[in-house]
Amino acid sequence: MLNGIDPILIFNFFKLAPQSSVVSRIPIVADIINTLALPPIPIYLSETITGIYIDSEEKSIDIETDVDALSSGKDAKINQKALGSTVRINMKGTRDSVGLTLLSSLADLIVPLVTSKEYSITYLHGSVTVFNGLLHSFSVTDNADSDLLNITLEINKTVNKTTTAKDPGSVERIQKPVTLGEGIPPTTPNPGISGGVGPQSPTKPPPSVPLTRG
């Protein structure tokens, strides 16, 4: 217990429900109907209630920074990408504690749901709060010198939506619809071919034939 308030872990599980093609076209309604929430499972991190108590807490935010130096000597281009926020909870518990048994069982239950993301973890304790986070790691360490076990739980809050900035200097190509026959010169009936058509050409006069007297 820290600050006289018992922290709490809430495990939320849900199932992905199939939806019709009509419902899937409505963004807000599709997100609600897409998931069927199951009753949440709370675990109070209290030595008197569950046999688990908080030893220490740690919260970190990870950001990836790429620095692109320019050969011209101008200021380098700096691009940052948010990786996520991680909360690390160090706990202690007895071997036969109910909380440790429940916590280990729920961690094992999450493993096959990692790909489908049919779960979430909420941690509430004062200023250290995570809503609908994902499991980053879970470990239990046994000590030979004591009956207490070291329990470490890491919850990650990832960035769900990312947007890609458009280069202002890029020019989009607009494809013009092509009409059949565009660019071909008009055709007129060719008098030299019966019923044929061909390119228009200037008319030449017939050759002159000299007249001779018999």
N, C-alpha and C. Protein backbone atom coordinates (compact mmCIF):
# COMPACT_ATOMS: atom_id res chain seq x y z
N MET A 1 0.84 -1.19 0.00
CA MET A 1 0.00 0.00 0.00
C MET A 1 0.88 1.24 0.00
N LEU A 2 0.57 2.17 -0.92
CA LEU A 2 1.27 3.44 -1.00
C LEU A 2 0.27 4.57 -0.79
N ASN A 3 0.65 5.54 0.06
CA ASN A 3 -0.19 6.71 0.32
C ASN A 3 -1.54 6.34 0.94
N GLY A 4 -1.63 5.17 1.56
CA GLY A 4 -2.85 4.78 2.24
C GLY A 4 -3.97 4.35 1.33
N ILE A 5 -3.74 4.23 0.03
CA ILE A 5 -4.79 3.83 -0.92
C ILE A 5 -4.35 2.55 -1.61
N ASP A 6 -5.23 1.57 -1.63
CA ASP A 6 -4.90 0.30 -2.27
C ASP A 6 -5.00 0.44 -3.79
N PRO A 7 -3.93 0.11 -4.52
CA PRO A 7 -4.01 0.11 -5.99
C PRO A 7 -4.91 -1.03 -6.46
N ILE A 8 -5.34 -0.92 -7.70
CA ILE A 8 -6.23 -1.94 -8.26
C ILE A 8 -5.86 -2.18 -9.72
N LEU A 9 -5.86 -3.45 -10.10
CA LEU A 9 -5.70 -3.89 -11.49
C LEU A 9 -7.04 -4.41 -11.98
N ILE A 10 -7.45 -3.97 -13.15
CA ILE A 10 -8.72 -4.41 -13.73
C ILE A 10 -8.42 -5.05 -15.08
N PHE A 11 -8.75 -6.33 -15.20
CA PHE A 11 -8.56 -7.06 -16.46
C PHE A 11 -9.90 -7.11 -17.19
N ASN A 12 -9.88 -6.60 -18.40
CA ASN A 12 -11.09 -6.59 -19.24
C ASN A 12 -10.89 -7.55 -20.41
N PHE A 13 -11.87 -8.43 -20.62
CA PHE A 13 -11.85 -9.37 -21.74
C PHE A 13 -13.10 -9.17 -22.57
N PHE A 14 -12.97 -9.37 -23.86
CA PHE A 14 -14.11 -9.24 -24.76
C PHE A 14 -13.90 -10.13 -25.96
N LYS A 15 -14.97 -10.36 -26.69
CA LYS A 15 -14.95 -11.20 -27.89
C LYS A 15 -15.30 -10.35 -29.10
N LEU A 16 -14.61 -10.65 -30.19
CA LEU A 16 -14.90 -9.98 -31.45
C LEU A 16 -16.10 -10.65 -32.09
N ALA A 17 -17.14 -9.88 -32.35
CA ALA A 17 -18.38 -10.41 -32.91
C ALA A 17 -18.43 -10.13 -34.40
N PRO A 18 -18.91 -11.12 -35.19
CA PRO A 18 -19.07 -10.86 -36.63
C PRO A 18 -20.16 -9.84 -36.86
N GLN A 19 -20.02 -9.06 -37.91
CA GLN A 19 -20.97 -8.02 -38.23
C GLN A 19 -21.31 -8.05 -39.71
N SER A 20 -22.49 -7.57 -40.03
CA SER A 20 -22.93 -7.55 -41.41
C SER A 20 -22.24 -6.44 -42.18
N SER A 21 -22.37 -6.50 -43.48
CA SER A 21 -21.72 -5.51 -44.33
C SER A 21 -22.34 -4.13 -44.16
N VAL A 22 -23.63 -4.07 -43.80
CA VAL A 22 -24.29 -2.78 -43.62
C VAL A 22 -23.78 -2.09 -42.37
N VAL A 23 -23.63 -2.86 -41.27
CA VAL A 23 -23.17 -2.28 -40.01
C VAL A 23 -21.71 -1.85 -40.12
N SER A 24 -20.89 -2.61 -40.86
CA SER A 24 -19.47 -2.30 -40.95
C SER A 24 -19.20 -0.97 -41.65
N ARG A 25 -20.17 -0.45 -42.38
CA ARG A 25 -19.97 0.83 -43.07
C ARG A 25 -20.18 2.03 -42.15
N ILE A 26 -20.74 1.82 -40.96
CA ILE A 26 -20.97 2.90 -40.01
C ILE A 26 -19.84 2.88 -38.99
N PRO A 27 -18.91 3.85 -38.98
CA PRO A 27 -17.70 3.76 -38.14
C PRO A 27 -17.99 3.61 -36.66
N ILE A 28 -18.81 4.48 -36.06
CA ILE A 28 -19.04 4.46 -34.62
C ILE A 28 -19.83 3.22 -34.22
N VAL A 29 -20.86 2.91 -34.95
CA VAL A 29 -21.68 1.74 -34.62
C VAL A 29 -20.89 0.46 -34.81
N ALA A 30 -20.01 0.42 -35.81
CA ALA A 30 -19.22 -0.78 -36.07
C ALA A 30 -18.27 -1.07 -34.92
N ASP A 31 -17.68 -0.03 -34.32
CA ASP A 31 -16.78 -0.25 -33.19
C ASP A 31 -17.50 -0.76 -31.96
N ILE A 32 -18.74 -0.34 -31.75
CA ILE A 32 -19.49 -0.78 -30.58
C ILE A 32 -19.98 -2.21 -30.74
N ILE A 33 -20.53 -2.52 -31.88
CA ILE A 33 -21.09 -3.85 -32.10
C ILE A 33 -19.99 -4.86 -32.34
N ASN A 34 -18.82 -4.43 -32.72
CA ASN A 34 -17.74 -5.35 -33.04
C ASN A 34 -17.23 -6.09 -31.83
N THR A 35 -17.41 -5.57 -30.62
CA THR A 35 -16.89 -6.19 -29.42
C THR A 35 -18.01 -6.51 -28.45
N LEU A 36 -17.91 -7.70 -27.84
CA LEU A 36 -18.83 -8.12 -26.80
C LEU A 36 -18.03 -8.19 -25.51
N ALA A 37 -18.25 -7.23 -24.62
CA ALA A 37 -17.47 -7.13 -23.39
C ALA A 37 -17.92 -8.17 -22.38
N LEU A 38 -16.94 -8.78 -21.70
CA LEU A 38 -17.20 -9.72 -20.62
C LEU A 38 -17.05 -8.98 -19.29
N PRO A 39 -17.57 -9.53 -18.19
CA PRO A 39 -17.45 -8.85 -16.89
C PRO A 39 -15.99 -8.64 -16.52
N PRO A 40 -15.61 -7.43 -16.08
CA PRO A 40 -14.22 -7.16 -15.70
C PRO A 40 -13.82 -7.92 -14.45
N ILE A 41 -12.52 -8.19 -14.32
CA ILE A 41 -11.98 -8.93 -13.17
C ILE A 41 -11.02 -8.00 -12.44
N PRO A 42 -11.39 -7.51 -11.25
CA PRO A 42 -10.50 -6.62 -10.50
C PRO A 42 -9.61 -7.41 -9.54
N ILE A 43 -8.39 -6.90 -9.32
CA ILE A 43 -7.46 -7.47 -8.35
C ILE A 43 -6.94 -6.31 -7.49
N TYR A 44 -7.28 -6.32 -6.23
CA TYR A 44 -6.79 -5.29 -5.32
C TYR A 44 -5.40 -5.68 -4.84
N LEU A 45 -4.46 -4.79 -5.02
CA LEU A 45 -3.08 -5.04 -4.61
C LEU A 45 -2.92 -4.62 -3.14
N SER A 46 -3.47 -5.45 -2.27
CA SER A 46 -3.46 -5.19 -0.84
C SER A 46 -2.94 -6.42 -0.12
N GLU A 47 -2.07 -6.21 0.84
CA GLU A 47 -1.49 -7.33 1.58
C GLU A 47 -2.54 -8.04 2.41
N THR A 48 -3.51 -7.32 2.92
CA THR A 48 -4.54 -7.93 3.75
C THR A 48 -5.63 -8.60 2.95
N ILE A 49 -5.88 -8.15 1.72
CA ILE A 49 -6.97 -8.70 0.92
C ILE A 49 -6.48 -9.82 0.00
N THR A 50 -5.46 -9.54 -0.79
CA THR A 50 -4.99 -10.52 -1.79
C THR A 50 -3.59 -11.03 -1.50
N GLY A 51 -2.87 -10.49 -0.53
CA GLY A 51 -1.52 -10.96 -0.23
C GLY A 51 -0.47 -10.40 -1.15
N ILE A 52 -0.77 -9.34 -1.90
CA ILE A 52 0.18 -8.68 -2.80
C ILE A 52 0.23 -7.21 -2.45
N TYR A 53 1.41 -6.64 -2.36
CA TYR A 53 1.53 -5.22 -2.10
C TYR A 53 2.60 -4.62 -3.02
N ILE A 54 2.46 -3.32 -3.25
CA ILE A 54 3.34 -2.61 -4.18
C ILE A 54 4.66 -2.30 -3.49
N ASP A 55 5.75 -2.62 -4.16
CA ASP A 55 7.09 -2.27 -3.68
C ASP A 55 7.56 -0.96 -4.30
N SER A 56 7.39 -0.81 -5.60
CA SER A 56 7.76 0.44 -6.28
C SER A 56 7.02 0.53 -7.60
N GLU A 57 6.97 1.75 -8.16
CA GLU A 57 6.32 2.01 -9.44
C GLU A 57 7.24 2.84 -10.31
N GLU A 58 7.08 2.66 -11.59
CA GLU A 58 7.90 3.42 -12.55
C GLU A 58 7.11 3.61 -13.83
N LYS A 59 7.12 4.83 -14.35
CA LYS A 59 6.44 5.14 -15.60
C LYS A 59 7.42 5.79 -16.56
N SER A 60 7.44 5.31 -17.79
CA SER A 60 8.36 5.83 -18.80
C SER A 60 7.64 5.99 -20.13
N ILE A 61 8.08 6.99 -20.89
CA ILE A 61 7.54 7.26 -22.22
C ILE A 61 8.68 7.10 -23.22
N ASP A 62 8.47 6.25 -24.22
CA ASP A 62 9.50 5.95 -25.22
C ASP A 62 9.17 6.67 -26.52
N ILE A 63 10.16 7.41 -27.03
CA ILE A 63 10.02 8.13 -28.29
C ILE A 63 11.24 7.85 -29.16
N GLU A 64 11.01 7.48 -30.39
CA GLU A 64 12.09 7.21 -31.34
C GLU A 64 12.42 8.49 -32.10
N THR A 65 13.70 8.85 -32.12
CA THR A 65 14.14 10.08 -32.77
C THR A 65 15.14 9.75 -33.88
N ASP A 66 14.86 10.22 -35.08
CA ASP A 66 15.75 10.06 -36.23
C ASP A 66 16.30 11.42 -36.63
N VAL A 67 17.64 11.52 -36.71
CA VAL A 67 18.30 12.76 -37.09
C VAL A 67 18.93 12.58 -38.46
N ASP A 68 18.50 13.40 -39.41
CA ASP A 68 19.00 13.33 -40.79
C ASP A 68 19.87 14.56 -41.03
N ALA A 69 21.20 14.35 -40.99
CA ALA A 69 22.13 15.46 -41.22
C ALA A 69 22.20 15.80 -42.70
N LEU A 70 22.30 17.09 -42.99
CA LEU A 70 22.35 17.56 -44.37
C LEU A 70 23.78 17.90 -44.74
N SER A 71 24.16 17.53 -45.96
CA SER A 71 25.52 17.82 -46.43
C SER A 71 25.74 19.30 -46.69
N SER A 72 24.65 20.06 -46.83
CA SER A 72 24.78 21.49 -47.11
C SER A 72 25.19 22.28 -45.88
N GLY A 73 25.17 21.66 -44.72
CA GLY A 73 25.54 22.36 -43.50
C GLY A 73 24.38 23.02 -42.79
N LYS A 74 23.18 22.91 -43.32
CA LYS A 74 22.01 23.48 -42.68
C LYS A 74 21.59 22.63 -41.49
N ASP A 75 20.60 23.12 -40.76
CA ASP A 75 20.11 22.39 -39.59
C ASP A 75 19.59 21.02 -40.00
N ALA A 76 19.91 20.03 -39.18
CA ALA A 76 19.49 18.67 -39.49
C ALA A 76 17.98 18.51 -39.32
N LYS A 77 17.42 17.59 -40.10
CA LYS A 77 16.00 17.29 -40.01
C LYS A 77 15.79 16.25 -38.90
N ILE A 78 14.92 16.58 -37.97
CA ILE A 78 14.65 15.70 -36.82
C ILE A 78 13.21 15.20 -36.92
N ASN A 79 13.06 13.89 -36.96
CA ASN A 79 11.75 13.25 -37.01
C ASN A 79 11.57 12.39 -35.78
N GLN A 80 10.45 12.54 -35.10
CA GLN A 80 10.16 11.77 -33.90
C GLN A 80 8.91 10.93 -34.10
N LYS A 81 8.92 9.76 -33.46
CA LYS A 81 7.81 8.82 -33.52
C LYS A 81 7.55 8.28 -32.13
N ALA A 82 6.31 8.41 -31.65
CA ALA A 82 5.94 7.94 -30.32
C ALA A 82 5.78 6.42 -30.33
N LEU A 83 6.51 5.74 -29.46
CA LEU A 83 6.44 4.29 -29.36
C LEU A 83 5.40 3.84 -28.34
N GLY A 84 5.27 4.57 -27.25
CA GLY A 84 4.27 4.22 -26.26
C GLY A 84 4.69 4.63 -24.87
N SER A 85 3.76 4.46 -23.94
CA SER A 85 4.00 4.77 -22.53
C SER A 85 3.92 3.46 -21.74
N THR A 86 4.92 3.20 -20.91
CA THR A 86 5.01 1.95 -20.17
C THR A 86 5.02 2.22 -18.67
N VAL A 87 4.21 1.45 -17.94
CA VAL A 87 4.17 1.52 -16.48
C VAL A 87 4.72 0.21 -15.94
N ARG A 88 5.73 0.30 -15.10
CA ARG A 88 6.36 -0.86 -14.50
C ARG A 88 5.97 -0.91 -13.01
N ILE A 89 5.38 -2.02 -12.59
CA ILE A 89 4.91 -2.19 -11.22
C ILE A 89 5.69 -3.33 -10.58
N ASN A 90 6.45 -3.03 -9.56
CA ASN A 90 7.19 -4.04 -8.80
C ASN A 90 6.42 -4.38 -7.53
N MET A 91 6.07 -5.64 -7.37
CA MET A 91 5.24 -6.07 -6.25
C MET A 91 5.93 -7.22 -5.50
N LYS A 92 5.40 -7.49 -4.34
CA LYS A 92 5.83 -8.63 -3.54
C LYS A 92 4.59 -9.36 -3.05
N GLY A 93 4.72 -10.67 -2.97
CA GLY A 93 3.59 -11.49 -2.52
C GLY A 93 4.07 -12.81 -1.96
N THR A 94 3.22 -13.42 -1.15
CA THR A 94 3.54 -14.72 -0.57
C THR A 94 3.25 -15.83 -1.57
N ARG A 95 3.80 -16.99 -1.30
CA ARG A 95 3.65 -18.11 -2.23
C ARG A 95 2.20 -18.57 -2.35
N ASP A 96 1.50 -18.56 -1.25
CA ASP A 96 0.12 -19.06 -1.25
C ASP A 96 -0.91 -17.94 -1.31
N SER A 97 -0.53 -16.78 -1.82
CA SER A 97 -1.48 -15.67 -1.87
C SER A 97 -2.50 -15.88 -2.99
N VAL A 98 -3.72 -15.47 -2.69
CA VAL A 98 -4.79 -15.59 -3.69
C VAL A 98 -4.54 -14.65 -4.87
N GLY A 99 -4.02 -13.47 -4.58
CA GLY A 99 -3.78 -12.50 -5.65
C GLY A 99 -2.75 -12.96 -6.65
N LEU A 100 -1.69 -13.62 -6.15
CA LEU A 100 -0.65 -14.11 -7.06
C LEU A 100 -1.18 -15.22 -7.95
N THR A 101 -1.98 -16.11 -7.38
CA THR A 101 -2.58 -17.19 -8.18
C THR A 101 -3.50 -16.63 -9.26
N LEU A 102 -4.31 -15.64 -8.89
CA LEU A 102 -5.23 -15.04 -9.86
C LEU A 102 -4.47 -14.25 -10.91
N LEU A 103 -3.44 -13.52 -10.49
CA LEU A 103 -2.66 -12.71 -11.44
C LEU A 103 -1.92 -13.59 -12.44
N SER A 104 -1.35 -14.70 -11.99
CA SER A 104 -0.64 -15.61 -12.90
C SER A 104 -1.60 -16.28 -13.87
N SER A 105 -2.79 -16.62 -13.40
CA SER A 105 -3.78 -17.26 -14.29
C SER A 105 -4.26 -16.30 -15.36
N LEU A 106 -4.49 -15.04 -14.99
CA LEU A 106 -4.94 -14.06 -15.99
C LEU A 106 -3.84 -13.74 -16.99
N ALA A 107 -2.58 -13.73 -16.55
CA ALA A 107 -1.47 -13.50 -17.48
C ALA A 107 -1.37 -14.63 -18.50
N ASP A 108 -1.56 -15.87 -18.05
CA ASP A 108 -1.55 -17.00 -18.98
C ASP A 108 -2.75 -16.94 -19.93
N LEU A 109 -3.86 -16.41 -19.45
CA LEU A 109 -5.05 -16.31 -20.30
C LEU A 109 -4.87 -15.26 -21.39
N ILE A 110 -4.04 -14.28 -21.14
CA ILE A 110 -3.83 -13.20 -22.12
C ILE A 110 -2.97 -13.65 -23.29
N VAL A 111 -2.08 -14.62 -23.05
CA VAL A 111 -1.10 -15.02 -24.08
C VAL A 111 -1.77 -15.36 -25.42
N PRO A 112 -2.82 -16.21 -25.49
CA PRO A 112 -3.42 -16.49 -26.81
C PRO A 112 -4.25 -15.35 -27.36
N LEU A 113 -4.48 -14.30 -26.58
CA LEU A 113 -5.30 -13.17 -27.04
C LEU A 113 -4.47 -11.99 -27.48
N VAL A 114 -3.14 -12.16 -27.53
CA VAL A 114 -2.27 -11.04 -27.88
C VAL A 114 -2.50 -10.59 -29.32
N THR A 115 -2.62 -11.54 -30.23
CA THR A 115 -2.77 -11.18 -31.64
C THR A 115 -4.11 -10.52 -31.91
N SER A 116 -5.18 -11.06 -31.38
CA SER A 116 -6.51 -10.51 -31.61
C SER A 116 -6.82 -9.30 -30.74
N LYS A 117 -6.01 -9.06 -29.70
CA LYS A 117 -6.19 -7.91 -28.79
C LYS A 117 -7.60 -7.92 -28.18
N GLU A 118 -8.02 -9.07 -27.70
CA GLU A 118 -9.33 -9.19 -27.06
C GLU A 118 -9.23 -9.02 -25.55
N TYR A 119 -8.41 -8.11 -25.12
CA TYR A 119 -8.24 -7.85 -23.70
C TYR A 119 -7.68 -6.45 -23.51
N SER A 120 -7.73 -5.97 -22.28
CA SER A 120 -7.10 -4.72 -21.90
C SER A 120 -6.89 -4.73 -20.39
N ILE A 121 -5.92 -3.94 -19.93
CA ILE A 121 -5.59 -3.86 -18.51
C ILE A 121 -5.64 -2.40 -18.08
N THR A 122 -6.34 -2.16 -16.99
CA THR A 122 -6.43 -0.82 -16.40
C THR A 122 -5.79 -0.84 -15.02
N TYR A 123 -4.93 0.13 -14.75
CA TYR A 123 -4.25 0.24 -13.46
C TYR A 123 -4.56 1.60 -12.86
N LEU A 124 -5.06 1.60 -11.64
CA LEU A 124 -5.45 2.83 -10.96
C LEU A 124 -4.71 2.94 -9.64
N HIS A 125 -3.89 3.96 -9.53
CA HIS A 125 -3.21 4.24 -8.27
C HIS A 125 -2.67 5.66 -8.28
N GLY A 126 -3.50 6.59 -7.82
CA GLY A 126 -3.07 7.98 -7.73
C GLY A 126 -2.71 8.56 -9.08
N SER A 127 -1.52 9.13 -9.16
CA SER A 127 -1.08 9.77 -10.41
C SER A 127 -0.64 8.77 -11.46
N VAL A 128 -0.31 7.55 -11.05
CA VAL A 128 0.09 6.50 -12.00
C VAL A 128 -1.17 5.77 -12.43
N THR A 129 -1.67 6.09 -13.59
CA THR A 129 -2.93 5.54 -14.07
C THR A 129 -2.80 5.15 -15.53
N VAL A 130 -3.31 3.97 -15.86
CA VAL A 130 -3.31 3.49 -17.24
C VAL A 130 -4.71 2.94 -17.54
N PHE A 131 -5.32 3.42 -18.60
CA PHE A 131 -6.63 2.93 -19.03
C PHE A 131 -6.46 2.14 -20.33
N ASN A 132 -7.03 0.93 -20.32
CA ASN A 132 -7.06 0.09 -21.52
C ASN A 132 -5.66 -0.11 -22.10
N GLY A 133 -4.72 -0.48 -21.25
CA GLY A 133 -3.37 -0.77 -21.72
C GLY A 133 -3.21 -2.22 -22.13
N LEU A 134 -2.03 -2.55 -22.63
CA LEU A 134 -1.70 -3.89 -23.06
C LEU A 134 -0.56 -4.44 -22.22
N LEU A 135 -0.54 -5.76 -22.08
CA LEU A 135 0.50 -6.40 -21.29
C LEU A 135 1.83 -6.35 -22.05
N HIS A 136 2.84 -5.79 -21.41
CA HIS A 136 4.17 -5.74 -22.00
C HIS A 136 5.05 -6.88 -21.50
N SER A 137 5.01 -7.16 -20.20
CA SER A 137 5.76 -8.29 -19.64
C SER A 137 5.21 -8.61 -18.26
N PHE A 138 5.42 -9.87 -17.85
CA PHE A 138 5.01 -10.32 -16.52
C PHE A 138 6.01 -11.38 -16.08
N SER A 139 6.52 -11.22 -14.86
CA SER A 139 7.51 -12.16 -14.35
C SER A 139 7.35 -12.33 -12.84
N VAL A 140 7.69 -13.54 -12.37
CA VAL A 140 7.67 -13.86 -10.95
C VAL A 140 9.01 -14.47 -10.60
N THR A 141 9.71 -13.89 -9.61
CA THR A 141 11.04 -14.35 -9.20
C THR A 141 10.97 -14.91 -7.79
N ASP A 142 11.50 -16.13 -7.62
CA ASP A 142 11.48 -16.79 -6.32
C ASP A 142 12.78 -16.50 -5.58
N ASN A 143 12.68 -16.20 -4.30
CA ASN A 143 13.84 -15.94 -3.46
C ASN A 143 14.04 -17.11 -2.51
N ALA A 144 15.26 -17.63 -2.46
CA ALA A 144 15.54 -18.75 -1.57
C ALA A 144 15.64 -18.32 -0.12
N ASP A 145 15.97 -17.06 0.12
CA ASP A 145 16.16 -16.58 1.49
C ASP A 145 14.87 -16.10 2.13
N SER A 146 13.79 -16.02 1.36
CA SER A 146 12.54 -15.49 1.90
C SER A 146 11.36 -16.19 1.26
N ASP A 147 10.22 -16.12 1.95
CA ASP A 147 8.99 -16.68 1.40
C ASP A 147 8.29 -15.71 0.45
N LEU A 148 8.79 -14.51 0.36
CA LEU A 148 8.19 -13.52 -0.52
C LEU A 148 8.70 -13.68 -1.95
N LEU A 149 7.83 -13.45 -2.88
CA LEU A 149 8.17 -13.53 -4.31
C LEU A 149 8.16 -12.13 -4.90
N ASN A 150 9.11 -11.90 -5.79
CA ASN A 150 9.17 -10.62 -6.51
C ASN A 150 8.33 -10.72 -7.80
N ILE A 151 7.37 -9.85 -7.93
CA ILE A 151 6.45 -9.86 -9.07
C ILE A 151 6.63 -8.56 -9.84
N THR A 152 6.81 -8.67 -11.13
CA THR A 152 6.99 -7.48 -11.99
C THR A 152 5.95 -7.53 -13.10
N LEU A 153 5.21 -6.45 -13.24
CA LEU A 153 4.19 -6.32 -14.27
C LEU A 153 4.41 -5.02 -15.02
N GLU A 154 4.48 -5.12 -16.35
CA GLU A 154 4.64 -3.93 -17.20
C GLU A 154 3.43 -3.81 -18.11
N ILE A 155 2.83 -2.63 -18.10
CA ILE A 155 1.66 -2.34 -18.92
C ILE A 155 2.05 -1.26 -19.92
N ASN A 156 1.74 -1.50 -21.17
CA ASN A 156 2.11 -0.58 -22.24
C ASN A 156 0.87 0.06 -22.83
N LYS A 157 0.93 1.37 -23.01
CA LYS A 157 -0.14 2.11 -23.67
C LYS A 157 0.39 2.58 -25.01
N THR A 158 0.03 1.86 -26.06
CA THR A 158 0.57 2.16 -27.38
C THR A 158 -0.21 3.27 -28.04
N VAL A 159 0.39 3.79 -29.11
CA VAL A 159 -0.26 4.81 -29.92
C VAL A 159 -1.11 4.10 -30.96
N ASN A 160 -2.44 4.31 -30.91
CA ASN A 160 -3.34 3.56 -31.78
C ASN A 160 -3.38 4.12 -33.19
N LYS A 161 -3.40 5.45 -33.29
CA LYS A 161 -3.56 6.07 -34.60
C LYS A 161 -2.34 6.89 -34.93
N THR A 162 -1.83 6.69 -36.13
CA THR A 162 -0.69 7.46 -36.61
C THR A 162 -1.06 8.10 -37.94
N THR A 163 -0.61 9.31 -38.14
CA THR A 163 -0.86 10.02 -39.38
C THR A 163 0.46 10.32 -40.06
N THR A 164 0.47 10.19 -41.36
CA THR A 164 1.66 10.46 -42.15
C THR A 164 1.55 11.83 -42.78
N ALA A 165 2.52 12.67 -42.52
CA ALA A 165 2.50 14.03 -43.08
C ALA A 165 2.81 13.99 -44.57
N LYS A 166 2.09 14.80 -45.32
CA LYS A 166 2.29 14.85 -46.77
C LYS A 166 3.34 15.90 -47.09
N ASP A 167 4.24 15.53 -47.99
CA ASP A 167 5.30 16.44 -48.39
C ASP A 167 4.70 17.60 -49.15
N PRO A 168 4.86 18.85 -48.66
CA PRO A 168 4.25 19.98 -49.39
C PRO A 168 4.85 20.20 -50.76
N GLY A 169 6.08 19.71 -50.98
CA GLY A 169 6.72 19.91 -52.28
C GLY A 169 6.33 18.88 -53.32
N SER A 170 5.60 17.86 -52.91
CA SER A 170 5.22 16.82 -53.87
C SER A 170 4.04 17.29 -54.70
N VAL A 171 4.01 16.87 -55.93
CA VAL A 171 2.95 17.22 -56.86
C VAL A 171 2.23 15.95 -57.26
N GLU A 172 0.93 15.94 -57.07
CA GLU A 172 0.14 14.77 -57.43
C GLU A 172 -0.18 14.81 -58.92
N ARG A 173 -0.02 13.67 -59.54
CA ARG A 173 -0.34 13.54 -60.96
C ARG A 173 -1.83 13.29 -61.10
N ILE A 174 -2.46 14.09 -61.93
CA ILE A 174 -3.88 13.93 -62.19
C ILE A 174 -4.02 13.25 -63.54
N GLN A 175 -4.59 12.08 -63.52
CA GLN A 175 -4.74 11.32 -64.75
C GLN A 175 -5.95 11.83 -65.52
N LYS A 176 -5.69 12.22 -66.75
CA LYS A 176 -6.76 12.71 -67.61
C LYS A 176 -7.39 11.54 -68.34
N PRO A 177 -8.73 11.47 -68.34
CA PRO A 177 -9.36 10.36 -69.05
C PRO A 177 -9.03 10.40 -70.53
N VAL A 178 -8.73 9.23 -71.07
CA VAL A 178 -8.34 9.10 -72.47
C VAL A 178 -9.56 8.72 -73.28
N THR A 179 -9.78 9.47 -74.36
CA THR A 179 -10.88 9.18 -75.27
C THR A 179 -10.35 8.45 -76.48
N LEU A 180 -11.06 7.38 -76.85
CA LEU A 180 -10.64 6.61 -78.02
C LEU A 180 -10.67 7.48 -79.26
N GLY A 181 -9.60 7.43 -80.04
CA GLY A 181 -9.52 8.20 -81.27
C GLY A 181 -8.94 9.58 -81.10
N GLU A 182 -8.58 9.93 -79.83
CA GLU A 182 -8.02 11.26 -79.61
C GLU A 182 -6.62 11.35 -80.21
N GLY A 183 -6.33 12.40 -80.97
CA GLY A 183 -5.02 12.60 -81.57
C GLY A 183 -4.90 12.03 -82.96
N ILE A 184 -5.94 11.33 -83.44
CA ILE A 184 -5.90 10.74 -84.79
C ILE A 184 -6.57 11.71 -85.75
N PRO A 185 -5.94 12.05 -86.90
CA PRO A 185 -6.54 13.02 -87.83
C PRO A 185 -7.83 12.48 -88.41
N PRO A 186 -8.76 13.37 -88.72
CA PRO A 186 -10.04 12.91 -89.28
C PRO A 186 -9.84 12.24 -90.62
N THR A 187 -10.72 11.33 -90.92
CA THR A 187 -10.63 10.55 -92.16
C THR A 187 -11.79 10.91 -93.07
N THR A 188 -11.52 10.84 -94.40
CA THR A 188 -12.55 11.09 -95.42
C THR A 188 -12.51 9.94 -96.41
N PRO A 189 -13.59 9.73 -97.14
CA PRO A 189 -13.58 8.64 -98.14
C PRO A 189 -12.48 8.83 -99.17
N ASN A 190 -11.76 7.75 -99.45
CA ASN A 190 -10.67 7.78 -100.42
C ASN A 190 -11.24 7.41 -101.78
N PRO A 191 -11.16 8.34 -102.74
CA PRO A 191 -11.75 8.03 -104.06
C PRO A 191 -11.01 6.93 -104.79
N GLY A 192 -9.79 6.64 -104.39
CA GLY A 192 -9.04 5.61 -105.10
C GLY A 192 -9.43 4.22 -104.71
N ILE A 193 -10.09 4.05 -103.56
CA ILE A 193 -10.48 2.72 -103.10
C ILE A 193 -11.97 2.71 -102.97
N SER A 194 -12.61 1.75 -103.55
CA SER A 194 -14.05 1.67 -103.55
C SER A 194 -14.54 1.40 -102.13
N GLY A 195 -15.31 2.34 -101.63
CA GLY A 195 -15.90 2.16 -100.31
C GLY A 195 -14.92 2.29 -99.18
N GLY A 196 -13.67 2.67 -99.46
CA GLY A 196 -12.67 2.74 -98.39
C GLY A 196 -12.54 4.13 -97.84
N VAL A 197 -11.88 4.18 -96.69
CA VAL A 197 -11.62 5.46 -96.07
C VAL A 197 -10.15 5.55 -95.82
N GLY A 198 -9.65 6.73 -95.77
CA GLY A 198 -8.24 6.94 -95.53
C GLY A 198 -7.97 8.37 -95.17
N PRO A 199 -6.73 8.71 -94.86
CA PRO A 199 -6.41 10.10 -94.49
C PRO A 199 -6.69 11.04 -95.64
N GLN A 200 -7.10 12.24 -95.25
CA GLN A 200 -7.38 13.26 -96.26
C GLN A 200 -6.10 13.74 -96.91
N SER A 201 -6.05 13.78 -98.26
CA SER A 201 -4.87 14.21 -99.00
C SER A 201 -5.30 15.14 -100.12
N PRO A 202 -4.44 16.03 -100.53
CA PRO A 202 -4.81 16.96 -101.62
C PRO A 202 -5.05 16.21 -102.92
N THR A 203 -6.02 16.71 -103.75
CA THR A 203 -6.39 16.07 -105.02
C THR A 203 -5.43 16.51 -106.11
N LYS A 204 -4.86 15.55 -106.84
CA LYS A 204 -3.94 15.86 -107.91
C LYS A 204 -4.69 15.86 -109.24
N PRO A 205 -4.37 16.81 -110.15
CA PRO A 205 -5.05 16.81 -111.48
C PRO A 205 -4.56 15.63 -112.30
N PRO A 206 -5.39 15.13 -113.24
CA PRO A 206 -4.97 13.99 -114.08
C PRO A 206 -3.84 14.42 -115.01
N PRO A 207 -2.98 13.52 -115.40
CA PRO A 207 -1.85 13.88 -116.29
C PRO A 207 -2.33 14.28 -117.67
N SER A 208 -1.67 15.28 -118.27
CA SER A 208 -2.08 15.76 -119.62
C SER A 208 -1.51 14.82 -120.69
N VAL A 209 -2.29 14.54 -121.74
CA VAL A 209 -1.85 13.68 -122.84
C VAL A 209 -1.73 14.53 -124.11
N PRO A 210 -0.57 14.58 -124.75
CA PRO A 210 -0.43 15.41 -125.97
C PRO A 210 -1.26 14.84 -127.12
N LEU A 211 -1.85 15.70 -127.90
CA LEU A 211 -2.65 15.28 -129.05
C LEU A 211 -1.78 15.31 -130.30
N THR A 212 -1.85 14.29 -131.09
CA THR A 212 -1.10 14.23 -132.34
C THR A 212 -2.06 14.09 -133.50
N ARG A 213 -1.69 14.68 -134.63
CA ARG A 213 -2.52 14.60 -135.83
C ARG A 213 -2.09 13.42 -136.72
N GLY A 214 -3.10 12.69 -137.25
CA GLY A 214 -2.82 11.54 -138.08
C GLY A 214 -2.53 11.91 -139.51
